[in-house]
Amino acid sequence: APALPANSVNASERGSSNFDTRLRGAGYFVWDLPKHGPRVTSGSRLSGILSRQSGQPYTVNSVFDTNGDGNLTDRPVVGPTMVQSGNRLLQAPNVPLAEAMGYVNGVLTGSPIGRNTFVLPPWNSVDIAALKPIPLPRGMLMTGRIEVYNLLNSVRFAVPDRRLGSPALGLSDRSPLPPRTVQVVLRIDF
């Protein structure tokens, strides 16, 4: 975690680890099509991998040292000045940043939000492959294969900007999951 604990005695310091993935499911299939059937599909093989995973937790931090420990990574106080919209923490309109951090007339009120209290949405991934062997003269065999990674073109965003006061708070501009990728392979065995 990029932030140190605000006060390790408080219950708000206890939370999920940064790499906590509560649920992960993965399965695969292989389907050999009959050798006696339509010429296009006879002897072909379909295979695939299906994955689903719960989202990663993250913490919203401020850019101010509210507890006076010298670190600029304290967490904001949730109250009437902060609004939670789904997985986004938003500063209420027309509220000064100091009040959003939990200060009223220069005095810190309330306790900070918990560590890793926000969770990214879950994501899915489907990868498939189709293989077709074609016999050639003189005992050679040509095998065509097409592979499609991230078939559904699922978007999985990385942890968003989590600095209170940033204009991009709650928005992510990168994705660790690559877009749909298609790969074609032609192999000749002799």
N, C-alpha and C. Protein backbone atom coordinates (compact mmCIF):
# COMPACT_ATOMS: atom_id res chain seq x y z
N ALA A 1 0.85 -1.18 0.00
CA ALA A 1 0.00 0.00 0.00
C ALA A 1 0.89 1.23 0.00
N PRO A 2 0.52 2.25 -0.77
CA PRO A 2 1.35 3.45 -0.80
C PRO A 2 1.20 4.32 0.44
N ALA A 3 0.21 4.05 1.28
CA ALA A 3 -0.05 4.90 2.43
C ALA A 3 0.24 4.16 3.73
N LEU A 4 0.80 4.88 4.70
CA LEU A 4 1.03 4.31 6.01
C LEU A 4 -0.25 4.38 6.82
N PRO A 5 -0.39 3.54 7.86
CA PRO A 5 -1.59 3.61 8.69
C PRO A 5 -1.70 4.97 9.38
N ALA A 6 -2.94 5.47 9.48
CA ALA A 6 -3.16 6.74 10.18
C ALA A 6 -3.03 6.52 11.69
N ASN A 7 -3.57 5.41 12.18
CA ASN A 7 -3.48 5.07 13.59
C ASN A 7 -3.81 3.58 13.70
N SER A 8 -2.81 2.76 13.93
CA SER A 8 -3.01 1.31 13.86
C SER A 8 -3.89 0.75 14.96
N VAL A 9 -4.30 1.56 15.93
CA VAL A 9 -5.20 1.10 16.98
C VAL A 9 -6.65 1.13 16.50
N ASN A 10 -6.97 2.05 15.60
CA ASN A 10 -8.35 2.20 15.13
C ASN A 10 -8.79 1.02 14.27
N ALA A 11 -10.07 0.70 14.36
CA ALA A 11 -10.63 -0.37 13.53
C ALA A 11 -10.59 -0.02 12.06
N SER A 12 -10.55 1.29 11.73
CA SER A 12 -10.54 1.68 10.32
C SER A 12 -9.23 1.30 9.63
N GLU A 13 -8.21 0.93 10.40
CA GLU A 13 -6.94 0.49 9.81
C GLU A 13 -6.98 -0.97 9.40
N ARG A 14 -7.99 -1.69 9.83
CA ARG A 14 -8.11 -3.10 9.47
C ARG A 14 -8.97 -3.21 8.22
N GLY A 15 -8.50 -3.96 7.26
CA GLY A 15 -9.25 -4.11 6.02
C GLY A 15 -8.61 -5.14 5.13
N SER A 16 -9.17 -5.29 3.97
CA SER A 16 -8.65 -6.25 3.00
C SER A 16 -7.26 -5.84 2.54
N SER A 17 -6.48 -6.83 2.15
CA SER A 17 -5.17 -6.52 1.59
C SER A 17 -5.36 -5.98 0.17
N ASN A 18 -4.34 -5.35 -0.38
CA ASN A 18 -4.44 -4.75 -1.70
C ASN A 18 -4.64 -5.78 -2.80
N PHE A 19 -4.21 -7.02 -2.56
CA PHE A 19 -4.32 -8.06 -3.58
C PHE A 19 -5.46 -9.04 -3.27
N ASP A 20 -6.37 -8.66 -2.39
CA ASP A 20 -7.47 -9.55 -2.00
C ASP A 20 -8.42 -9.77 -3.18
N THR A 21 -8.51 -10.99 -3.62
CA THR A 21 -9.47 -11.39 -4.65
C THR A 21 -10.36 -12.44 -4.00
N ARG A 22 -11.54 -12.04 -3.58
CA ARG A 22 -12.41 -12.93 -2.82
C ARG A 22 -12.84 -14.16 -3.63
N LEU A 23 -13.23 -13.92 -4.86
CA LEU A 23 -13.74 -15.02 -5.67
C LEU A 23 -13.01 -15.05 -7.01
N ARG A 24 -12.60 -16.23 -7.39
CA ARG A 24 -11.99 -16.42 -8.71
C ARG A 24 -12.42 -17.78 -9.20
N GLY A 25 -12.97 -17.79 -10.38
CA GLY A 25 -13.38 -19.05 -10.99
C GLY A 25 -12.79 -19.15 -12.38
N ALA A 26 -12.30 -20.31 -12.71
CA ALA A 26 -11.75 -20.54 -14.05
C ALA A 26 -12.12 -21.94 -14.48
N GLY A 27 -12.45 -22.09 -15.73
CA GLY A 27 -12.78 -23.40 -16.28
C GLY A 27 -12.36 -23.46 -17.74
N TYR A 28 -12.27 -24.65 -18.25
CA TYR A 28 -11.89 -24.80 -19.64
C TYR A 28 -12.74 -25.89 -20.28
N PHE A 29 -12.74 -25.92 -21.59
CA PHE A 29 -13.43 -26.97 -22.31
C PHE A 29 -12.63 -27.34 -23.55
N VAL A 30 -12.77 -28.58 -23.96
CA VAL A 30 -12.19 -29.08 -25.21
C VAL A 30 -13.27 -29.91 -25.88
N TRP A 31 -13.58 -29.61 -27.13
CA TRP A 31 -14.63 -30.30 -27.85
C TRP A 31 -14.06 -30.79 -29.18
N ASP A 32 -13.90 -32.10 -29.30
CA ASP A 32 -13.46 -32.71 -30.54
C ASP A 32 -14.69 -33.00 -31.39
N LEU A 33 -14.77 -32.35 -32.55
CA LEU A 33 -15.90 -32.57 -33.44
C LEU A 33 -15.74 -33.91 -34.15
N PRO A 34 -16.84 -34.57 -34.54
CA PRO A 34 -16.75 -35.88 -35.17
C PRO A 34 -15.94 -35.84 -36.47
N LYS A 35 -15.21 -36.93 -36.71
CA LYS A 35 -14.40 -37.02 -37.94
C LYS A 35 -15.27 -37.27 -39.16
N HIS A 36 -16.47 -37.81 -38.93
CA HIS A 36 -17.39 -38.07 -40.04
C HIS A 36 -18.53 -37.06 -39.97
N GLY A 37 -18.42 -36.04 -40.75
CA GLY A 37 -19.43 -34.98 -40.75
C GLY A 37 -19.13 -34.04 -41.90
N PRO A 38 -19.63 -32.83 -41.83
CA PRO A 38 -19.33 -31.86 -42.90
C PRO A 38 -17.82 -31.67 -43.03
N ARG A 39 -17.36 -31.54 -44.25
CA ARG A 39 -15.93 -31.46 -44.53
C ARG A 39 -15.26 -30.28 -43.80
N VAL A 40 -15.96 -29.18 -43.68
CA VAL A 40 -15.38 -27.99 -43.05
C VAL A 40 -15.07 -28.23 -41.58
N THR A 41 -15.94 -28.97 -40.88
CA THR A 41 -15.76 -29.15 -39.44
C THR A 41 -15.24 -30.52 -39.04
N SER A 42 -15.18 -31.47 -39.95
CA SER A 42 -14.78 -32.84 -39.56
C SER A 42 -13.35 -32.85 -39.04
N GLY A 43 -13.18 -33.48 -37.90
CA GLY A 43 -11.86 -33.61 -37.28
C GLY A 43 -11.37 -32.35 -36.59
N SER A 44 -12.19 -31.31 -36.51
CA SER A 44 -11.78 -30.05 -35.88
C SER A 44 -11.89 -30.15 -34.36
N ARG A 45 -11.27 -29.21 -33.70
CA ARG A 45 -11.31 -29.15 -32.23
C ARG A 45 -11.56 -27.70 -31.80
N LEU A 46 -12.49 -27.53 -30.88
CA LEU A 46 -12.74 -26.23 -30.25
C LEU A 46 -12.31 -26.32 -28.79
N SER A 47 -11.68 -25.28 -28.30
CA SER A 47 -11.28 -25.25 -26.89
C SER A 47 -11.39 -23.83 -26.38
N GLY A 48 -11.47 -23.71 -25.07
CA GLY A 48 -11.59 -22.37 -24.50
C GLY A 48 -11.32 -22.34 -23.01
N ILE A 49 -11.07 -21.14 -22.53
CA ILE A 49 -10.87 -20.89 -21.10
C ILE A 49 -11.81 -19.77 -20.69
N LEU A 50 -12.57 -19.99 -19.63
CA LEU A 50 -13.50 -19.00 -19.09
C LEU A 50 -13.02 -18.60 -17.71
N SER A 51 -12.94 -17.30 -17.44
CA SER A 51 -12.49 -16.80 -16.13
C SER A 51 -13.42 -15.72 -15.63
N ARG A 52 -13.62 -15.68 -14.32
CA ARG A 52 -14.39 -14.61 -13.67
C ARG A 52 -13.72 -14.35 -12.33
N GLN A 53 -13.57 -13.06 -12.01
CA GLN A 53 -12.85 -12.70 -10.80
C GLN A 53 -13.49 -11.48 -10.16
N SER A 54 -13.54 -11.48 -8.83
CA SER A 54 -14.05 -10.30 -8.13
C SER A 54 -13.03 -9.17 -8.21
N GLY A 55 -13.49 -7.96 -7.93
CA GLY A 55 -12.64 -6.78 -8.09
C GLY A 55 -11.62 -6.61 -6.98
N GLN A 56 -10.64 -5.78 -7.26
CA GLN A 56 -9.56 -5.49 -6.33
C GLN A 56 -9.96 -4.32 -5.42
N PRO A 57 -9.66 -4.40 -4.11
CA PRO A 57 -9.96 -3.28 -3.22
C PRO A 57 -8.92 -2.17 -3.34
N TYR A 58 -9.34 -0.95 -3.04
CA TYR A 58 -8.40 0.17 -3.02
C TYR A 58 -8.86 1.21 -2.01
N THR A 59 -7.96 2.11 -1.67
CA THR A 59 -8.19 3.13 -0.66
C THR A 59 -8.16 4.51 -1.29
N VAL A 60 -9.03 5.39 -0.86
CA VAL A 60 -8.99 6.80 -1.27
C VAL A 60 -8.14 7.54 -0.25
N ASN A 61 -7.17 8.32 -0.73
CA ASN A 61 -6.27 9.07 0.14
C ASN A 61 -6.39 10.56 -0.14
N SER A 62 -5.96 11.33 0.85
CA SER A 62 -5.93 12.78 0.68
C SER A 62 -4.52 13.21 0.31
N VAL A 63 -4.37 14.46 0.04
CA VAL A 63 -3.04 15.01 -0.21
C VAL A 63 -2.64 15.93 0.95
N PHE A 64 -3.31 15.78 2.09
CA PHE A 64 -3.03 16.60 3.27
C PHE A 64 -2.66 15.69 4.44
N ASP A 65 -1.90 16.23 5.36
CA ASP A 65 -1.52 15.52 6.57
C ASP A 65 -2.51 15.89 7.67
N THR A 66 -3.64 15.21 7.72
CA THR A 66 -4.69 15.57 8.68
C THR A 66 -4.36 15.12 10.10
N ASN A 67 -3.58 14.06 10.27
CA ASN A 67 -3.30 13.58 11.62
C ASN A 67 -1.95 14.04 12.15
N GLY A 68 -1.22 14.83 11.36
CA GLY A 68 0.03 15.43 11.84
C GLY A 68 1.19 14.46 11.96
N ASP A 69 1.18 13.34 11.24
CA ASP A 69 2.30 12.39 11.33
C ASP A 69 3.38 12.63 10.27
N GLY A 70 3.21 13.65 9.45
CA GLY A 70 4.22 13.97 8.44
C GLY A 70 4.01 13.29 7.10
N ASN A 71 3.01 12.44 6.99
CA ASN A 71 2.72 11.75 5.72
C ASN A 71 1.51 12.38 5.05
N LEU A 72 1.60 12.58 3.76
CA LEU A 72 0.52 13.22 3.01
C LEU A 72 -0.40 12.18 2.38
N THR A 73 -0.71 11.13 3.10
CA THR A 73 -1.52 10.05 2.54
C THR A 73 -2.66 9.65 3.46
N ASP A 74 -3.15 10.57 4.26
CA ASP A 74 -4.25 10.25 5.17
C ASP A 74 -5.54 10.05 4.39
N ARG A 75 -6.49 9.37 5.01
CA ARG A 75 -7.77 9.11 4.35
C ARG A 75 -8.79 10.16 4.78
N PRO A 76 -9.73 10.48 3.87
CA PRO A 76 -10.74 11.49 4.22
C PRO A 76 -11.76 10.94 5.21
N VAL A 77 -12.50 11.86 5.81
CA VAL A 77 -13.58 11.52 6.73
C VAL A 77 -14.88 11.56 5.92
N VAL A 78 -15.66 10.49 6.00
CA VAL A 78 -16.92 10.46 5.27
C VAL A 78 -17.98 11.12 6.14
N GLY A 79 -18.67 12.05 5.57
CA GLY A 79 -19.70 12.77 6.29
C GLY A 79 -20.57 13.49 5.29
N PRO A 80 -21.24 14.55 5.71
CA PRO A 80 -22.12 15.25 4.79
C PRO A 80 -21.38 15.94 3.65
N THR A 81 -20.04 16.09 3.78
CA THR A 81 -19.28 16.76 2.73
C THR A 81 -18.79 15.78 1.66
N MET A 82 -18.92 14.49 1.91
CA MET A 82 -18.49 13.48 0.95
C MET A 82 -19.69 12.66 0.51
N VAL A 83 -19.73 12.30 -0.74
CA VAL A 83 -20.83 11.54 -1.30
C VAL A 83 -20.26 10.29 -1.95
N GLN A 84 -20.83 9.14 -1.63
CA GLN A 84 -20.39 7.91 -2.28
C GLN A 84 -21.37 7.58 -3.39
N SER A 85 -20.86 7.45 -4.61
CA SER A 85 -21.67 7.12 -5.78
C SER A 85 -21.12 5.84 -6.36
N GLY A 86 -21.77 4.71 -6.01
CA GLY A 86 -21.24 3.41 -6.45
C GLY A 86 -19.88 3.19 -5.82
N ASN A 87 -18.88 2.96 -6.65
CA ASN A 87 -17.52 2.78 -6.16
C ASN A 87 -16.74 4.08 -6.14
N ARG A 88 -17.39 5.20 -6.41
CA ARG A 88 -16.70 6.49 -6.44
C ARG A 88 -17.01 7.29 -5.20
N LEU A 89 -15.99 7.94 -4.67
CA LEU A 89 -16.15 8.86 -3.56
C LEU A 89 -16.03 10.25 -4.15
N LEU A 90 -17.07 11.06 -4.01
CA LEU A 90 -17.10 12.39 -4.62
C LEU A 90 -17.18 13.46 -3.54
N GLN A 91 -16.50 14.54 -3.80
CA GLN A 91 -16.59 15.70 -2.90
C GLN A 91 -17.90 16.41 -3.22
N ALA A 92 -18.68 16.69 -2.18
CA ALA A 92 -19.97 17.36 -2.39
C ALA A 92 -19.73 18.72 -3.05
N PRO A 93 -20.64 19.15 -3.91
CA PRO A 93 -20.44 20.43 -4.59
C PRO A 93 -20.43 21.60 -3.61
N ASN A 94 -19.64 22.61 -3.93
CA ASN A 94 -19.55 23.85 -3.17
C ASN A 94 -19.09 23.65 -1.73
N VAL A 95 -18.30 22.59 -1.48
CA VAL A 95 -17.76 22.34 -0.14
C VAL A 95 -16.25 22.48 -0.23
N PRO A 96 -15.64 23.32 0.61
CA PRO A 96 -14.18 23.46 0.57
C PRO A 96 -13.50 22.12 0.88
N LEU A 97 -12.30 21.93 0.30
CA LEU A 97 -11.57 20.68 0.48
C LEU A 97 -11.26 20.41 1.95
N ALA A 98 -10.99 21.44 2.73
CA ALA A 98 -10.70 21.24 4.15
C ALA A 98 -11.88 20.59 4.86
N GLU A 99 -13.10 21.03 4.54
CA GLU A 99 -14.29 20.42 5.14
C GLU A 99 -14.46 18.99 4.65
N ALA A 100 -14.15 18.74 3.39
CA ALA A 100 -14.26 17.38 2.85
C ALA A 100 -13.28 16.45 3.55
N MET A 101 -12.15 17.00 4.03
CA MET A 101 -11.18 16.19 4.76
C MET A 101 -11.62 15.95 6.20
N GLY A 102 -12.70 16.57 6.63
CA GLY A 102 -13.19 16.35 7.98
C GLY A 102 -12.89 17.47 8.94
N TYR A 103 -12.38 18.59 8.44
CA TYR A 103 -12.08 19.73 9.31
C TYR A 103 -13.26 20.67 9.39
N VAL A 104 -13.63 21.05 10.58
CA VAL A 104 -14.64 22.08 10.79
C VAL A 104 -13.98 23.14 11.68
N ASN A 105 -13.83 24.33 11.15
CA ASN A 105 -13.14 25.42 11.84
C ASN A 105 -11.74 25.01 12.29
N GLY A 106 -11.03 24.25 11.44
CA GLY A 106 -9.65 23.86 11.74
C GLY A 106 -9.50 22.68 12.67
N VAL A 107 -10.60 22.06 13.11
CA VAL A 107 -10.53 20.91 14.02
C VAL A 107 -11.02 19.67 13.28
N LEU A 108 -10.23 18.58 13.36
CA LEU A 108 -10.60 17.33 12.70
C LEU A 108 -11.77 16.69 13.43
N THR A 109 -12.83 16.37 12.70
CA THR A 109 -14.00 15.74 13.30
C THR A 109 -14.22 14.38 12.65
N GLY A 110 -14.70 13.43 13.39
CA GLY A 110 -15.00 12.11 12.85
C GLY A 110 -13.76 11.26 12.68
N SER A 111 -13.95 10.08 12.13
CA SER A 111 -12.83 9.18 11.89
C SER A 111 -12.72 8.93 10.38
N PRO A 112 -11.53 8.60 9.92
CA PRO A 112 -11.35 8.43 8.47
C PRO A 112 -12.06 7.18 7.96
N ILE A 113 -12.31 7.19 6.66
CA ILE A 113 -12.89 5.98 6.05
C ILE A 113 -11.92 4.83 6.22
N GLY A 114 -12.42 3.62 6.17
CA GLY A 114 -11.59 2.45 6.36
C GLY A 114 -10.60 2.21 5.22
N ARG A 115 -9.62 1.40 5.51
CA ARG A 115 -8.61 1.03 4.54
C ARG A 115 -9.22 0.06 3.52
N ASN A 116 -8.96 0.28 2.25
CA ASN A 116 -9.46 -0.58 1.16
C ASN A 116 -10.97 -0.79 1.23
N THR A 117 -11.71 0.29 1.43
CA THR A 117 -13.17 0.20 1.52
C THR A 117 -13.85 0.23 0.16
N PHE A 118 -13.15 0.60 -0.89
CA PHE A 118 -13.72 0.63 -2.23
C PHE A 118 -13.22 -0.58 -3.01
N VAL A 119 -14.08 -1.12 -3.87
CA VAL A 119 -13.72 -2.33 -4.62
C VAL A 119 -14.04 -2.11 -6.09
N LEU A 120 -13.10 -2.46 -6.95
CA LEU A 120 -13.33 -2.38 -8.39
C LEU A 120 -14.39 -3.40 -8.80
N PRO A 121 -15.07 -3.20 -9.91
CA PRO A 121 -16.06 -4.17 -10.37
C PRO A 121 -15.41 -5.48 -10.77
N PRO A 122 -16.17 -6.59 -10.76
CA PRO A 122 -15.61 -7.87 -11.20
C PRO A 122 -15.36 -7.85 -12.71
N TRP A 123 -14.61 -8.82 -13.19
CA TRP A 123 -14.33 -8.89 -14.62
C TRP A 123 -14.39 -10.32 -15.12
N ASN A 124 -14.65 -10.44 -16.41
CA ASN A 124 -14.74 -11.75 -17.08
C ASN A 124 -13.72 -11.80 -18.20
N SER A 125 -13.31 -13.00 -18.54
CA SER A 125 -12.44 -13.18 -19.69
C SER A 125 -12.80 -14.52 -20.34
N VAL A 126 -12.90 -14.51 -21.68
CA VAL A 126 -13.18 -15.72 -22.45
C VAL A 126 -12.15 -15.80 -23.57
N ASP A 127 -11.41 -16.90 -23.59
CA ASP A 127 -10.44 -17.16 -24.65
C ASP A 127 -10.86 -18.44 -25.37
N ILE A 128 -10.87 -18.42 -26.70
CA ILE A 128 -11.25 -19.63 -27.45
C ILE A 128 -10.22 -19.90 -28.54
N ALA A 129 -10.21 -21.15 -28.99
CA ALA A 129 -9.33 -21.55 -30.09
C ALA A 129 -10.04 -22.60 -30.92
N ALA A 130 -9.83 -22.57 -32.22
CA ALA A 130 -10.36 -23.58 -33.14
C ALA A 130 -9.19 -24.14 -33.95
N LEU A 131 -9.14 -25.45 -34.07
CA LEU A 131 -8.04 -26.13 -34.75
C LEU A 131 -8.61 -27.06 -35.81
N LYS A 132 -8.02 -27.05 -37.01
CA LYS A 132 -8.49 -27.91 -38.10
C LYS A 132 -7.28 -28.55 -38.78
N PRO A 133 -7.12 -29.89 -38.64
CA PRO A 133 -6.04 -30.58 -39.35
C PRO A 133 -6.48 -30.90 -40.79
N ILE A 134 -5.57 -30.72 -41.75
CA ILE A 134 -5.85 -31.02 -43.16
C ILE A 134 -4.73 -31.92 -43.68
N PRO A 135 -5.06 -33.19 -44.03
CA PRO A 135 -4.02 -34.09 -44.56
C PRO A 135 -3.53 -33.62 -45.93
N LEU A 136 -2.24 -33.72 -46.15
CA LEU A 136 -1.62 -33.35 -47.42
C LEU A 136 -0.97 -34.59 -48.04
N PRO A 137 -0.62 -34.53 -49.32
CA PRO A 137 0.06 -35.67 -49.95
C PRO A 137 1.40 -35.97 -49.28
N ARG A 138 1.89 -37.19 -49.49
CA ARG A 138 3.18 -37.67 -48.96
C ARG A 138 3.21 -37.70 -47.44
N GLY A 139 2.10 -37.92 -46.80
CA GLY A 139 2.05 -38.08 -45.34
C GLY A 139 2.20 -36.78 -44.57
N MET A 140 2.15 -35.63 -45.22
CA MET A 140 2.27 -34.35 -44.51
C MET A 140 0.90 -33.96 -43.94
N LEU A 141 0.96 -33.12 -42.93
CA LEU A 141 -0.27 -32.65 -42.29
C LEU A 141 -0.17 -31.15 -42.07
N MET A 142 -1.17 -30.43 -42.55
CA MET A 142 -1.24 -28.99 -42.32
C MET A 142 -2.32 -28.75 -41.25
N THR A 143 -1.98 -27.95 -40.26
CA THR A 143 -2.92 -27.65 -39.18
C THR A 143 -3.14 -26.13 -39.13
N GLY A 144 -4.40 -25.75 -39.27
CA GLY A 144 -4.77 -24.34 -39.13
C GLY A 144 -5.37 -24.11 -37.76
N ARG A 145 -5.02 -23.01 -37.15
CA ARG A 145 -5.50 -22.71 -35.80
C ARG A 145 -5.78 -21.23 -35.70
N ILE A 146 -6.92 -20.89 -35.13
CA ILE A 146 -7.25 -19.49 -34.86
C ILE A 146 -7.54 -19.38 -33.36
N GLU A 147 -6.91 -18.39 -32.73
CA GLU A 147 -7.06 -18.18 -31.30
C GLU A 147 -7.59 -16.77 -31.07
N VAL A 148 -8.57 -16.65 -30.21
CA VAL A 148 -9.14 -15.34 -29.88
C VAL A 148 -9.04 -15.17 -28.36
N TYR A 149 -8.28 -14.17 -27.96
CA TYR A 149 -8.12 -13.86 -26.54
C TYR A 149 -9.02 -12.68 -26.20
N ASN A 150 -9.66 -12.75 -25.05
CA ASN A 150 -10.63 -11.73 -24.60
C ASN A 150 -11.74 -11.60 -25.66
N LEU A 151 -12.37 -12.71 -25.95
CA LEU A 151 -13.40 -12.80 -26.99
C LEU A 151 -14.49 -11.73 -26.83
N LEU A 152 -14.94 -11.49 -25.61
CA LEU A 152 -16.02 -10.54 -25.36
C LEU A 152 -15.52 -9.10 -25.31
N ASN A 153 -14.22 -8.92 -25.49
CA ASN A 153 -13.60 -7.60 -25.44
C ASN A 153 -13.95 -6.87 -24.14
N SER A 154 -13.87 -7.61 -23.02
CA SER A 154 -14.17 -7.06 -21.70
C SER A 154 -13.13 -6.01 -21.33
N VAL A 155 -13.59 -4.94 -20.71
CA VAL A 155 -12.70 -3.90 -20.24
C VAL A 155 -12.56 -4.05 -18.73
N ARG A 156 -11.34 -4.13 -18.29
CA ARG A 156 -11.07 -4.19 -16.85
C ARG A 156 -10.17 -3.01 -16.53
N PHE A 157 -10.72 -2.03 -15.83
CA PHE A 157 -9.93 -0.85 -15.51
C PHE A 157 -9.07 -1.10 -14.29
N ALA A 158 -7.91 -0.46 -14.28
CA ALA A 158 -7.00 -0.55 -13.14
C ALA A 158 -7.52 0.34 -12.02
N VAL A 159 -6.83 0.32 -10.89
CA VAL A 159 -7.22 1.15 -9.75
C VAL A 159 -7.27 2.61 -10.20
N PRO A 160 -8.36 3.31 -9.93
CA PRO A 160 -8.51 4.69 -10.40
C PRO A 160 -7.66 5.67 -9.60
N ASP A 161 -7.67 6.91 -10.06
CA ASP A 161 -7.04 7.99 -9.31
C ASP A 161 -7.78 8.08 -7.97
N ARG A 162 -7.05 7.99 -6.88
CA ARG A 162 -7.70 7.91 -5.57
C ARG A 162 -7.25 9.02 -4.64
N ARG A 163 -6.81 10.13 -5.19
CA ARG A 163 -6.37 11.27 -4.40
C ARG A 163 -7.51 12.29 -4.29
N LEU A 164 -7.97 12.49 -3.07
CA LEU A 164 -9.03 13.46 -2.83
C LEU A 164 -8.55 14.85 -3.23
N GLY A 165 -9.35 15.55 -3.98
CA GLY A 165 -8.97 16.86 -4.46
C GLY A 165 -8.49 16.83 -5.90
N SER A 166 -8.23 15.64 -6.42
CA SER A 166 -7.80 15.51 -7.81
C SER A 166 -9.01 15.61 -8.73
N PRO A 167 -8.90 16.29 -9.86
CA PRO A 167 -10.04 16.36 -10.78
C PRO A 167 -10.42 14.99 -11.35
N ALA A 168 -9.48 14.05 -11.35
CA ALA A 168 -9.74 12.72 -11.90
C ALA A 168 -10.12 11.71 -10.83
N LEU A 169 -10.50 12.17 -9.64
CA LEU A 169 -10.84 11.26 -8.54
C LEU A 169 -11.87 10.23 -8.99
N GLY A 170 -11.54 8.95 -8.82
CA GLY A 170 -12.46 7.87 -9.16
C GLY A 170 -12.42 7.45 -10.61
N LEU A 171 -11.56 8.05 -11.43
CA LEU A 171 -11.48 7.69 -12.84
C LEU A 171 -10.17 6.95 -13.12
N SER A 172 -10.23 5.96 -14.00
CA SER A 172 -9.05 5.20 -14.38
C SER A 172 -8.79 5.39 -15.87
N ASP A 173 -7.52 5.51 -16.23
CA ASP A 173 -7.17 5.72 -17.63
C ASP A 173 -6.36 4.57 -18.22
N ARG A 174 -6.29 3.46 -17.51
CA ARG A 174 -5.53 2.32 -18.03
C ARG A 174 -6.23 1.01 -17.70
N SER A 175 -5.86 0.00 -18.45
CA SER A 175 -6.46 -1.32 -18.27
C SER A 175 -5.38 -2.38 -18.34
N PRO A 176 -5.24 -3.22 -17.28
CA PRO A 176 -4.23 -4.28 -17.34
C PRO A 176 -4.65 -5.45 -18.23
N LEU A 177 -5.91 -5.49 -18.63
CA LEU A 177 -6.39 -6.57 -19.49
C LEU A 177 -6.33 -6.08 -20.94
N PRO A 178 -5.56 -6.74 -21.81
CA PRO A 178 -5.47 -6.25 -23.19
C PRO A 178 -6.80 -6.40 -23.93
N PRO A 179 -6.99 -5.63 -25.00
CA PRO A 179 -8.22 -5.75 -25.79
C PRO A 179 -8.24 -7.08 -26.54
N ARG A 180 -9.35 -7.33 -27.23
CA ARG A 180 -9.49 -8.57 -28.00
C ARG A 180 -8.29 -8.71 -28.94
N THR A 181 -7.72 -9.91 -28.95
CA THR A 181 -6.56 -10.21 -29.79
C THR A 181 -6.86 -11.48 -30.55
N VAL A 182 -6.61 -11.46 -31.86
CA VAL A 182 -6.82 -12.64 -32.71
C VAL A 182 -5.47 -13.05 -33.26
N GLN A 183 -5.21 -14.35 -33.18
CA GLN A 183 -3.94 -14.90 -33.66
C GLN A 183 -4.25 -16.07 -34.58
N VAL A 184 -3.63 -16.09 -35.76
CA VAL A 184 -3.83 -17.17 -36.74
C VAL A 184 -2.51 -17.90 -36.91
N VAL A 185 -2.58 -19.23 -36.85
CA VAL A 185 -1.38 -20.06 -36.98
C VAL A 185 -1.61 -21.09 -38.08
N LEU A 186 -0.62 -21.28 -38.92
CA LEU A 186 -0.65 -22.31 -39.95
C LEU A 186 0.63 -23.11 -39.81
N ARG A 187 0.49 -24.41 -39.54
CA ARG A 187 1.65 -25.25 -39.29
C ARG A 187 1.63 -26.45 -40.24
N ILE A 188 2.80 -26.80 -40.78
CA ILE A 188 2.89 -27.97 -41.66
C ILE A 188 3.88 -28.95 -41.01
N ASP A 189 3.39 -30.17 -40.78
CA ASP A 189 4.22 -31.26 -40.24
C ASP A 189 4.59 -32.17 -41.40
N PHE A 190 5.88 -32.48 -41.50
CA PHE A 190 6.32 -33.41 -42.57
C PHE A 190 7.34 -34.38 -42.03
